[in-house]
N, C-alpha and C. Protein backbone atom coordinates (compact mmCIF):
# COMPACT_ATOMS: atom_id res chain seq x y z
N MET A 1 61.74 131.35 109.10
CA MET A 1 61.49 130.51 107.96
C MET A 1 61.57 131.36 106.69
N GLN A 2 62.30 130.89 105.73
CA GLN A 2 62.52 131.63 104.49
C GLN A 2 61.37 131.45 103.51
N PRO A 3 61.06 132.51 102.72
CA PRO A 3 60.10 132.32 101.63
C PRO A 3 60.60 131.22 100.70
N ASN A 4 59.72 130.64 99.94
CA ASN A 4 59.98 129.53 99.02
C ASN A 4 60.16 128.21 99.77
N LYS A 5 60.01 128.21 101.05
CA LYS A 5 59.99 126.98 101.83
C LYS A 5 58.60 126.38 101.67
N THR A 6 58.50 125.08 101.78
CA THR A 6 57.22 124.40 101.66
C THR A 6 56.86 123.76 102.99
N LEU A 7 55.61 123.94 103.39
CA LEU A 7 55.05 123.26 104.55
C LEU A 7 53.83 122.50 104.07
N SER A 8 53.55 121.37 104.69
CA SER A 8 52.39 120.60 104.25
C SER A 8 51.36 120.51 105.38
N VAL A 9 50.12 120.32 104.96
CA VAL A 9 49.01 120.07 105.88
C VAL A 9 48.33 118.81 105.39
N ASN A 10 48.44 117.74 106.17
CA ASN A 10 47.88 116.44 105.79
C ASN A 10 48.33 116.01 104.39
N GLY A 11 49.62 116.24 104.12
CA GLY A 11 50.20 115.82 102.85
C GLY A 11 50.07 116.81 101.71
N GLU A 12 49.25 117.85 101.85
CA GLU A 12 49.13 118.84 100.78
C GLU A 12 50.19 119.93 100.97
N PRO A 13 51.04 120.15 99.97
CA PRO A 13 52.11 121.13 100.10
C PRO A 13 51.62 122.57 99.89
N PHE A 14 52.19 123.48 100.68
CA PHE A 14 51.92 124.90 100.58
C PHE A 14 53.24 125.65 100.55
N GLU A 15 53.35 126.59 99.63
CA GLU A 15 54.53 127.43 99.52
C GLU A 15 54.41 128.57 100.55
N VAL A 16 55.44 128.75 101.37
CA VAL A 16 55.45 129.83 102.35
C VAL A 16 55.83 131.13 101.63
N LEU A 17 54.94 132.12 101.70
CA LEU A 17 55.20 133.41 101.07
C LEU A 17 55.87 134.38 102.04
N ARG A 18 55.40 134.38 103.30
CA ARG A 18 56.03 135.23 104.31
C ARG A 18 55.46 134.91 105.69
N LEU A 19 56.22 135.29 106.69
CA LEU A 19 55.77 135.19 108.08
C LEU A 19 54.80 136.33 108.34
N LEU A 20 53.61 136.02 108.84
CA LEU A 20 52.65 137.06 109.19
C LEU A 20 52.86 137.53 110.62
N GLY A 21 53.21 136.62 111.50
CA GLY A 21 53.42 137.01 112.88
C GLY A 21 53.60 135.81 113.78
N LYS A 22 53.99 136.11 115.00
CA LYS A 22 54.16 135.09 116.03
C LYS A 22 53.22 135.44 117.17
N GLY A 23 52.36 134.50 117.51
CA GLY A 23 51.46 134.69 118.63
C GLY A 23 51.88 133.84 119.80
N LYS A 24 51.04 133.83 120.83
CA LYS A 24 51.33 133.05 122.03
C LYS A 24 51.39 131.56 121.74
N GLY A 25 50.62 131.10 120.76
CA GLY A 25 50.54 129.67 120.50
C GLY A 25 51.29 129.18 119.28
N GLY A 26 51.65 130.09 118.37
CA GLY A 26 52.31 129.60 117.17
C GLY A 26 52.73 130.70 116.22
N TYR A 27 53.34 130.26 115.14
CA TYR A 27 53.75 131.14 114.06
C TYR A 27 52.70 131.06 112.97
N SER A 28 52.35 132.20 112.37
CA SER A 28 51.40 132.22 111.26
C SER A 28 52.11 132.67 109.99
N PHE A 29 51.93 131.87 108.94
CA PHE A 29 52.56 132.14 107.66
C PHE A 29 51.49 132.36 106.60
N LEU A 30 51.76 133.28 105.71
CA LEU A 30 50.95 133.42 104.51
C LEU A 30 51.47 132.38 103.54
N VAL A 31 50.58 131.51 103.06
CA VAL A 31 50.99 130.42 102.18
C VAL A 31 50.09 130.38 100.95
N ARG A 32 50.59 129.69 99.94
CA ARG A 32 49.83 129.48 98.72
C ARG A 32 49.85 127.98 98.42
N SER A 33 48.69 127.46 98.11
CA SER A 33 48.59 126.05 97.74
C SER A 33 49.33 125.82 96.43
N GLN A 34 50.05 124.74 96.34
CA GLN A 34 50.76 124.44 95.10
C GLN A 34 49.79 123.92 94.04
N SER A 35 48.63 123.43 94.46
CA SER A 35 47.65 122.94 93.49
C SER A 35 46.62 124.02 93.11
N HIS A 36 46.45 125.04 93.94
CA HIS A 36 45.52 126.15 93.67
C HIS A 36 46.30 127.45 93.86
N SER A 37 47.18 127.77 92.92
CA SER A 37 48.18 128.81 93.13
C SER A 37 47.62 130.23 93.25
N LYS A 38 46.36 130.44 92.94
CA LYS A 38 45.81 131.80 93.04
C LYS A 38 45.24 132.10 94.43
N THR A 39 45.13 131.08 95.26
CA THR A 39 44.51 131.26 96.57
C THR A 39 45.56 131.27 97.67
N GLU A 40 45.47 132.28 98.54
CA GLU A 40 46.38 132.37 99.68
C GLU A 40 45.64 131.95 100.94
N TYR A 41 46.39 131.38 101.86
CA TYR A 41 45.85 130.89 103.13
C TYR A 41 46.79 131.32 104.25
N VAL A 42 46.34 131.07 105.46
CA VAL A 42 47.21 131.21 106.63
C VAL A 42 47.45 129.83 107.18
N LEU A 43 48.72 129.51 107.38
CA LEU A 43 49.09 128.25 108.00
C LEU A 43 49.69 128.59 109.36
N LYS A 44 49.04 128.08 110.39
CA LYS A 44 49.54 128.32 111.75
C LYS A 44 50.27 127.07 112.22
N GLN A 45 51.54 127.26 112.56
CA GLN A 45 52.38 126.19 113.10
C GLN A 45 52.53 126.43 114.60
N MET A 46 52.04 125.50 115.40
CA MET A 46 52.13 125.65 116.85
C MET A 46 53.59 125.62 117.28
N HIS A 47 53.91 126.42 118.30
CA HIS A 47 55.24 126.34 118.91
C HIS A 47 55.06 125.89 120.35
N HIS A 48 56.17 125.58 120.97
CA HIS A 48 56.08 125.02 122.32
C HIS A 48 56.78 125.88 123.36
N GLU A 49 56.59 127.17 123.24
CA GLU A 49 57.07 128.05 124.29
C GLU A 49 56.11 127.93 125.47
N PRO A 50 56.59 128.12 126.69
CA PRO A 50 55.73 127.94 127.85
C PRO A 50 54.49 128.83 127.82
N MET A 51 53.35 128.21 128.10
CA MET A 51 52.08 128.93 128.22
C MET A 51 51.46 128.44 129.53
N PRO A 52 51.27 129.31 130.49
CA PRO A 52 50.84 128.88 131.81
C PRO A 52 49.47 128.19 131.84
N PHE A 53 48.60 128.46 130.87
CA PHE A 53 47.25 127.91 130.94
C PHE A 53 47.01 126.75 129.98
N LEU A 54 48.02 126.33 129.20
CA LEU A 54 47.85 125.22 128.27
C LEU A 54 49.02 124.26 128.37
N GLN A 55 48.72 122.99 128.30
CA GLN A 55 49.77 121.99 128.16
C GLN A 55 50.16 121.95 126.68
N PRO A 56 51.41 121.63 126.35
CA PRO A 56 51.83 121.64 124.95
C PRO A 56 50.93 120.80 124.04
N ASN A 57 50.49 119.65 124.49
CA ASN A 57 49.68 118.77 123.65
C ASN A 57 48.25 119.28 123.48
N ASP A 58 47.85 120.28 124.23
CA ASP A 58 46.49 120.78 124.18
C ASP A 58 46.28 121.90 123.17
N LYS A 59 47.32 122.43 122.58
CA LYS A 59 47.20 123.64 121.77
C LYS A 59 46.26 123.48 120.57
N VAL A 60 46.43 122.45 119.79
CA VAL A 60 45.58 122.27 118.61
C VAL A 60 44.14 122.02 119.05
N GLN A 61 43.96 121.16 120.04
CA GLN A 61 42.59 120.89 120.51
C GLN A 61 41.94 122.14 121.11
N ALA A 62 42.74 122.96 121.79
CA ALA A 62 42.20 124.21 122.34
C ALA A 62 41.77 125.15 121.21
N GLU A 63 42.55 125.22 120.14
CA GLU A 63 42.18 126.06 118.98
C GLU A 63 40.88 125.57 118.36
N ILE A 64 40.75 124.26 118.21
CA ILE A 64 39.53 123.69 117.63
C ILE A 64 38.33 124.00 118.52
N ARG A 65 38.48 123.78 119.81
CA ARG A 65 37.39 124.03 120.77
C ARG A 65 36.98 125.50 120.77
N ASP A 66 37.98 126.39 120.83
CA ASP A 66 37.68 127.82 120.87
C ASP A 66 37.06 128.29 119.56
N TYR A 67 37.56 127.78 118.43
CA TYR A 67 37.00 128.14 117.13
C TYR A 67 35.51 127.77 117.08
N ARG A 68 35.20 126.57 117.48
CA ARG A 68 33.79 126.13 117.45
C ARG A 68 32.93 127.00 118.36
N ARG A 69 33.44 127.29 119.53
CA ARG A 69 32.69 128.11 120.49
C ARG A 69 32.42 129.50 119.92
N LEU A 70 33.44 130.12 119.33
CA LEU A 70 33.28 131.46 118.77
C LEU A 70 32.36 131.46 117.55
N CYS A 71 32.44 130.42 116.73
CA CYS A 71 31.53 130.31 115.58
C CYS A 71 30.09 130.22 116.05
N GLU A 72 29.84 129.41 117.07
CA GLU A 72 28.49 129.25 117.60
C GLU A 72 27.92 130.58 118.10
N LEU A 73 28.79 131.46 118.56
CA LEU A 73 28.36 132.77 119.07
C LEU A 73 28.27 133.84 117.98
N GLY A 74 28.62 133.46 116.76
CA GLY A 74 28.51 134.41 115.65
C GLY A 74 29.63 135.42 115.58
N ILE A 75 30.79 135.11 116.16
CA ILE A 75 31.94 136.00 116.07
C ILE A 75 32.54 135.85 114.66
N ARG A 76 32.81 136.97 114.00
CA ARG A 76 33.35 136.93 112.64
C ARG A 76 34.81 136.47 112.69
N LEU A 77 35.08 135.32 112.05
CA LEU A 77 36.40 134.68 112.08
C LEU A 77 36.78 134.21 110.69
N PRO A 78 38.07 134.00 110.45
CA PRO A 78 38.46 133.28 109.23
C PRO A 78 38.06 131.82 109.39
N ALA A 79 37.70 131.18 108.31
CA ALA A 79 37.31 129.77 108.36
C ALA A 79 38.52 128.89 108.67
N MET A 80 38.31 127.90 109.53
CA MET A 80 39.32 126.87 109.78
C MET A 80 39.11 125.81 108.70
N LEU A 81 40.10 125.63 107.82
CA LEU A 81 39.91 124.81 106.64
C LEU A 81 40.45 123.39 106.77
N ASP A 82 41.53 123.22 107.52
CA ASP A 82 42.13 121.89 107.68
C ASP A 82 42.99 121.89 108.93
N ILE A 83 43.16 120.71 109.50
CA ILE A 83 43.95 120.55 110.72
C ILE A 83 44.85 119.34 110.54
N ASP A 84 46.13 119.52 110.79
CA ASP A 84 47.09 118.43 110.75
C ASP A 84 47.54 118.21 112.20
N ILE A 85 46.88 117.28 112.86
CA ILE A 85 47.14 117.02 114.28
C ILE A 85 48.59 116.61 114.50
N ALA A 86 49.10 115.70 113.67
CA ALA A 86 50.45 115.17 113.86
C ALA A 86 51.51 116.25 113.76
N LYS A 87 51.34 117.20 112.82
CA LYS A 87 52.33 118.26 112.64
C LYS A 87 51.96 119.54 113.38
N GLU A 88 50.85 119.51 114.08
CA GLU A 88 50.36 120.67 114.85
C GLU A 88 50.23 121.91 113.98
N ARG A 89 49.50 121.75 112.87
CA ARG A 89 49.29 122.83 111.93
C ARG A 89 47.81 123.02 111.66
N ILE A 90 47.43 124.27 111.51
CA ILE A 90 46.05 124.62 111.17
C ILE A 90 46.08 125.49 109.93
N LEU A 91 45.25 125.14 108.97
CA LEU A 91 45.11 125.93 107.75
C LEU A 91 43.85 126.76 107.87
N LYS A 92 43.99 128.08 107.67
CA LYS A 92 42.87 129.00 107.82
C LYS A 92 42.70 129.87 106.58
N GLU A 93 41.50 130.38 106.45
CA GLU A 93 41.21 131.37 105.42
C GLU A 93 42.08 132.60 105.69
N TYR A 94 42.56 133.22 104.64
CA TYR A 94 43.34 134.46 104.77
C TYR A 94 42.40 135.64 104.63
N ILE A 95 42.35 136.48 105.64
CA ILE A 95 41.57 137.71 105.60
C ILE A 95 42.52 138.80 105.14
N ASP A 96 42.27 139.32 103.96
CA ASP A 96 43.19 140.24 103.31
C ASP A 96 42.84 141.68 103.66
N GLY A 97 43.54 142.22 104.63
CA GLY A 97 43.31 143.60 105.02
C GLY A 97 44.28 144.00 106.11
N PRO A 98 44.24 145.26 106.50
CA PRO A 98 45.14 145.74 107.55
C PRO A 98 44.66 145.31 108.93
N THR A 99 45.60 145.19 109.84
CA THR A 99 45.22 144.95 111.23
C THR A 99 44.71 146.25 111.83
N VAL A 100 43.92 146.14 112.87
CA VAL A 100 43.49 147.33 113.60
C VAL A 100 44.71 148.06 114.15
N TYR A 101 45.72 147.31 114.56
CA TYR A 101 46.97 147.91 115.05
C TYR A 101 47.53 148.88 114.01
N ASN A 102 47.62 148.42 112.75
CA ASN A 102 48.16 149.28 111.69
C ASN A 102 47.24 150.44 111.36
N LEU A 103 45.94 150.22 111.47
CA LEU A 103 44.99 151.31 111.23
C LEU A 103 45.13 152.40 112.29
N VAL A 104 45.31 151.99 113.54
CA VAL A 104 45.53 152.98 114.62
C VAL A 104 46.84 153.71 114.35
N LEU A 105 47.87 152.97 114.05
CA LEU A 105 49.20 153.54 113.83
C LEU A 105 49.20 154.56 112.70
N THR A 106 48.41 154.33 111.66
CA THR A 106 48.40 155.21 110.48
C THR A 106 47.21 156.16 110.45
N ASP A 107 46.54 156.31 111.59
CA ASP A 107 45.40 157.23 111.72
C ASP A 107 44.30 156.95 110.69
N GLN A 108 43.99 155.67 110.49
CA GLN A 108 42.94 155.28 109.55
C GLN A 108 41.78 154.54 110.22
N MET A 109 41.69 154.67 111.53
CA MET A 109 40.60 154.00 112.25
C MET A 109 39.27 154.65 111.91
N ASP A 110 38.25 153.83 111.92
CA ASP A 110 36.88 154.27 111.70
C ASP A 110 36.08 153.89 112.94
N ASP A 111 35.18 154.75 113.37
CA ASP A 111 34.38 154.47 114.57
C ASP A 111 33.61 153.15 114.45
N SER A 112 33.24 152.77 113.22
CA SER A 112 32.47 151.54 113.05
C SER A 112 33.28 150.31 113.45
N TYR A 113 34.60 150.38 113.39
CA TYR A 113 35.42 149.23 113.79
C TYR A 113 35.31 149.00 115.30
N VAL A 114 35.33 150.06 116.05
CA VAL A 114 35.17 149.94 117.51
C VAL A 114 33.75 149.47 117.83
N ASP A 115 32.77 149.99 117.10
CA ASP A 115 31.39 149.56 117.32
C ASP A 115 31.25 148.06 117.07
N GLN A 116 31.91 147.56 116.02
CA GLN A 116 31.83 146.13 115.71
C GLN A 116 32.46 145.28 116.80
N VAL A 117 33.61 145.70 117.31
CA VAL A 117 34.24 144.89 118.36
C VAL A 117 33.47 145.01 119.67
N ARG A 118 32.85 146.15 119.92
CA ARG A 118 32.00 146.26 121.12
C ARG A 118 30.81 145.30 121.04
N GLU A 119 30.26 145.13 119.86
CA GLU A 119 29.16 144.17 119.68
C GLU A 119 29.66 142.75 119.94
N MET A 120 30.86 142.43 119.43
CA MET A 120 31.45 141.12 119.72
C MET A 120 31.62 140.95 121.23
N ALA A 121 32.18 141.97 121.87
CA ALA A 121 32.47 141.91 123.31
C ALA A 121 31.18 141.72 124.11
N LYS A 122 30.13 142.39 123.70
CA LYS A 122 28.84 142.27 124.40
C LYS A 122 28.31 140.83 124.30
N ARG A 123 28.38 140.27 123.10
CA ARG A 123 27.93 138.89 122.90
C ARG A 123 28.78 137.92 123.72
N LEU A 124 30.09 138.13 123.71
CA LEU A 124 30.98 137.25 124.47
C LEU A 124 30.75 137.37 125.97
N GLN A 125 30.60 138.60 126.45
CA GLN A 125 30.40 138.80 127.89
C GLN A 125 29.11 138.11 128.35
N SER A 126 28.08 138.13 127.51
CA SER A 126 26.83 137.47 127.90
C SER A 126 27.00 135.95 128.03
N HIS A 127 28.07 135.42 127.44
CA HIS A 127 28.39 134.00 127.56
C HIS A 127 29.62 133.78 128.45
N ARG A 128 29.99 134.81 129.19
CA ARG A 128 31.09 134.76 130.16
C ARG A 128 32.43 134.40 129.51
N LEU A 129 32.69 135.03 128.33
CA LEU A 129 33.94 134.78 127.61
C LEU A 129 34.63 136.09 127.25
N ASN A 130 35.93 136.03 127.13
CA ASN A 130 36.75 137.11 126.59
C ASN A 130 37.53 136.54 125.41
N ILE A 131 37.95 137.43 124.53
CA ILE A 131 38.92 137.10 123.49
C ILE A 131 40.12 138.01 123.71
N ASP A 132 41.16 137.81 122.95
CA ASP A 132 42.35 138.67 123.09
C ASP A 132 42.12 139.92 122.25
N TYR A 133 41.78 141.01 122.93
CA TYR A 133 41.38 142.25 122.26
C TYR A 133 42.54 143.10 121.75
N PHE A 134 43.77 142.59 121.82
CA PHE A 134 44.88 143.38 121.31
C PHE A 134 44.68 143.58 119.81
N PRO A 135 44.94 144.79 119.28
CA PRO A 135 44.55 145.12 117.90
C PRO A 135 45.28 144.37 116.79
N THR A 136 46.36 143.66 117.09
CA THR A 136 46.98 142.83 116.04
C THR A 136 46.13 141.60 115.75
N ASN A 137 45.17 141.29 116.62
CA ASN A 137 44.32 140.12 116.46
C ASN A 137 43.06 140.40 115.65
N PHE A 138 42.96 141.59 115.08
CA PHE A 138 41.78 141.98 114.31
C PHE A 138 42.22 142.54 112.96
N VAL A 139 41.56 142.07 111.91
CA VAL A 139 41.84 142.52 110.55
C VAL A 139 40.54 143.06 109.97
N VAL A 140 40.66 144.15 109.21
CA VAL A 140 39.49 144.74 108.56
C VAL A 140 39.57 144.42 107.06
N GLU A 141 38.49 143.81 106.58
CA GLU A 141 38.37 143.52 105.15
C GLU A 141 36.99 143.99 104.70
N ASN A 142 36.96 144.86 103.71
CA ASN A 142 35.71 145.40 103.18
C ASN A 142 34.83 146.00 104.27
N GLY A 143 35.46 146.70 105.22
CA GLY A 143 34.72 147.38 106.27
C GLY A 143 34.27 146.50 107.42
N LEU A 144 34.57 145.20 107.36
CA LEU A 144 34.17 144.27 108.41
C LEU A 144 35.39 143.86 109.24
N VAL A 145 35.20 143.83 110.56
CA VAL A 145 36.27 143.47 111.48
C VAL A 145 36.20 141.97 111.77
N TYR A 146 37.32 141.30 111.56
CA TYR A 146 37.44 139.86 111.83
C TYR A 146 38.40 139.66 112.99
N TYR A 147 38.03 138.76 113.90
CA TYR A 147 38.93 138.31 114.95
C TYR A 147 39.72 137.15 114.36
N ILE A 148 41.00 137.33 114.13
CA ILE A 148 41.79 136.34 113.40
C ILE A 148 42.48 135.31 114.30
N ASP A 149 42.41 135.53 115.60
CA ASP A 149 42.92 134.57 116.56
C ASP A 149 41.71 133.74 117.00
N PHE A 150 41.90 132.53 117.41
CA PHE A 150 40.76 131.74 117.85
C PHE A 150 40.69 131.63 119.38
N GLU A 151 41.63 132.23 120.08
CA GLU A 151 41.69 132.11 121.54
C GLU A 151 40.49 132.78 122.20
N CYS A 152 39.90 132.07 123.13
CA CYS A 152 38.93 132.70 124.04
C CYS A 152 39.17 132.14 125.44
N THR A 153 38.84 132.94 126.42
CA THR A 153 39.09 132.58 127.81
C THR A 153 37.86 132.96 128.64
N ALA A 154 37.87 132.50 129.88
CA ALA A 154 36.79 132.87 130.80
C ALA A 154 36.77 134.38 130.99
N TYR A 155 35.59 134.93 131.07
CA TYR A 155 35.43 136.37 131.21
C TYR A 155 35.98 136.88 132.54
N THR A 156 36.75 137.95 132.47
CA THR A 156 37.10 138.75 133.64
C THR A 156 36.98 140.20 133.20
N ARG A 157 36.60 141.04 134.08
CA ARG A 157 36.47 142.47 133.77
C ARG A 157 37.82 143.04 133.33
N GLU A 158 38.90 142.61 134.00
CA GLU A 158 40.24 143.12 133.70
C GLU A 158 40.67 142.84 132.27
N ARG A 159 40.27 141.72 131.70
CA ARG A 159 40.68 141.34 130.34
C ARG A 159 39.59 141.58 129.30
N SER A 160 38.54 142.28 129.69
CA SER A 160 37.45 142.58 128.75
C SER A 160 37.87 143.72 127.82
N PHE A 161 37.05 143.97 126.81
CA PHE A 161 37.37 145.06 125.89
C PHE A 161 37.42 146.39 126.62
N ASP A 162 36.40 146.68 127.43
CA ASP A 162 36.38 147.96 128.15
C ASP A 162 37.37 148.01 129.29
N GLY A 163 37.71 146.86 129.86
CA GLY A 163 38.65 146.83 130.97
C GLY A 163 40.10 146.90 130.56
N TRP A 164 40.38 146.54 129.32
CA TRP A 164 41.78 146.49 128.88
C TRP A 164 41.94 146.78 127.39
N GLY A 165 41.23 146.05 126.54
CA GLY A 165 41.45 146.11 125.10
C GLY A 165 41.32 147.47 124.48
N VAL A 166 40.29 148.22 124.86
CA VAL A 166 40.02 149.52 124.25
C VAL A 166 41.22 150.47 124.37
N THR A 167 42.05 150.24 125.37
CA THR A 167 43.24 151.06 125.59
C THR A 167 44.15 151.08 124.35
N TYR A 168 44.12 150.00 123.57
CA TYR A 168 45.03 149.88 122.42
C TYR A 168 44.34 150.11 121.08
N TRP A 169 43.09 150.56 121.10
CA TRP A 169 42.35 150.78 119.86
C TRP A 169 42.36 152.25 119.42
N SER A 170 43.22 153.04 120.03
CA SER A 170 43.46 154.42 119.60
C SER A 170 44.86 154.79 120.08
N LYS A 171 45.33 155.96 119.70
CA LYS A 171 46.70 156.36 120.05
C LYS A 171 46.76 156.89 121.48
N THR A 172 46.51 155.99 122.41
CA THR A 172 46.62 156.30 123.83
C THR A 172 48.09 156.28 124.23
N PRO A 173 48.42 156.81 125.39
CA PRO A 173 49.81 156.70 125.86
C PRO A 173 50.28 155.24 125.94
N GLU A 174 49.40 154.33 126.34
CA GLU A 174 49.77 152.91 126.42
C GLU A 174 50.09 152.35 125.03
N PHE A 175 49.26 152.70 124.06
CA PHE A 175 49.51 152.24 122.68
C PHE A 175 50.85 152.78 122.19
N LEU A 176 51.09 154.06 122.39
CA LEU A 176 52.33 154.67 121.91
C LEU A 176 53.56 154.11 122.62
N ARG A 177 53.43 153.78 123.91
CA ARG A 177 54.53 153.13 124.62
C ARG A 177 54.81 151.75 124.03
N PHE A 178 53.74 151.01 123.71
CA PHE A 178 53.91 149.71 123.10
C PHE A 178 54.64 149.84 121.76
N VAL A 179 54.21 150.78 120.93
CA VAL A 179 54.83 151.01 119.62
C VAL A 179 56.31 151.34 119.80
N ALA A 180 56.62 152.24 120.72
CA ALA A 180 58.01 152.63 120.94
C ALA A 180 58.86 151.44 121.39
N ALA A 181 58.29 150.58 122.23
CA ALA A 181 59.03 149.43 122.73
C ALA A 181 59.26 148.37 121.66
N HIS A 182 58.42 148.35 120.63
CA HIS A 182 58.51 147.30 119.62
C HIS A 182 58.94 147.80 118.25
N ALA A 183 59.13 149.09 118.08
CA ALA A 183 59.56 149.65 116.79
C ALA A 183 61.04 149.34 116.58
N PRO A 184 61.51 149.13 115.40
CA PRO A 184 60.77 149.19 114.13
C PRO A 184 60.10 147.86 113.79
N HIS A 185 60.10 146.90 114.68
CA HIS A 185 59.56 145.58 114.40
C HIS A 185 58.17 145.43 114.99
N ALA A 186 57.27 146.31 114.59
CA ALA A 186 55.90 146.25 115.09
C ALA A 186 55.26 144.93 114.69
N PRO A 187 54.42 144.39 115.56
CA PRO A 187 53.83 143.09 115.27
C PRO A 187 52.89 143.15 114.07
N ALA A 188 52.89 142.07 113.33
CA ALA A 188 51.96 141.94 112.21
C ALA A 188 50.77 141.10 112.67
N ALA A 189 49.87 140.87 111.77
CA ALA A 189 48.73 140.03 112.10
C ALA A 189 49.20 138.62 112.37
N ALA A 190 48.77 138.06 113.47
CA ALA A 190 49.16 136.71 113.81
C ALA A 190 48.30 135.67 113.11
N GLN A 191 47.11 136.01 112.76
CA GLN A 191 46.16 135.11 112.11
C GLN A 191 46.31 133.73 112.66
């Protein structure tokens, strides 16, 4: 999608500034409201690529359900601002900062970021939930780590932070292999 394209959410037009990333469930664009031009948002447009655990019509409802569940548990997230069910679009608050992925890549990680996600993981595990701990799903703004994806799943040790996610939160061989396989088109924040 080209910049200067317009997408709407429930009839309100938003100018597309750039593609932020493509996740399992959709494309995320940095957008600006045409009526509030100083504010940037994230507009997530669902796509219909095969997902083994979701039916195509369930994607928006799954995002809403997971968002509510994570909010109830106190997980730091961008606010879900509007939902256009018919067009399968979600408007979210834009968290303006680098992804943990980029912080690892540029040797700018801080121990407090790992501590914050471990606290999230502990809270989630106590409720038998996991989130997608891959570092492109986390953005740091003003020293606070936000989970910018709304996906959560049933807890398994294999998909927990300590069982899998932590592997990508530093320059491990696995992280470096991932970077090499995806360079120069490293993933951006999917928001």
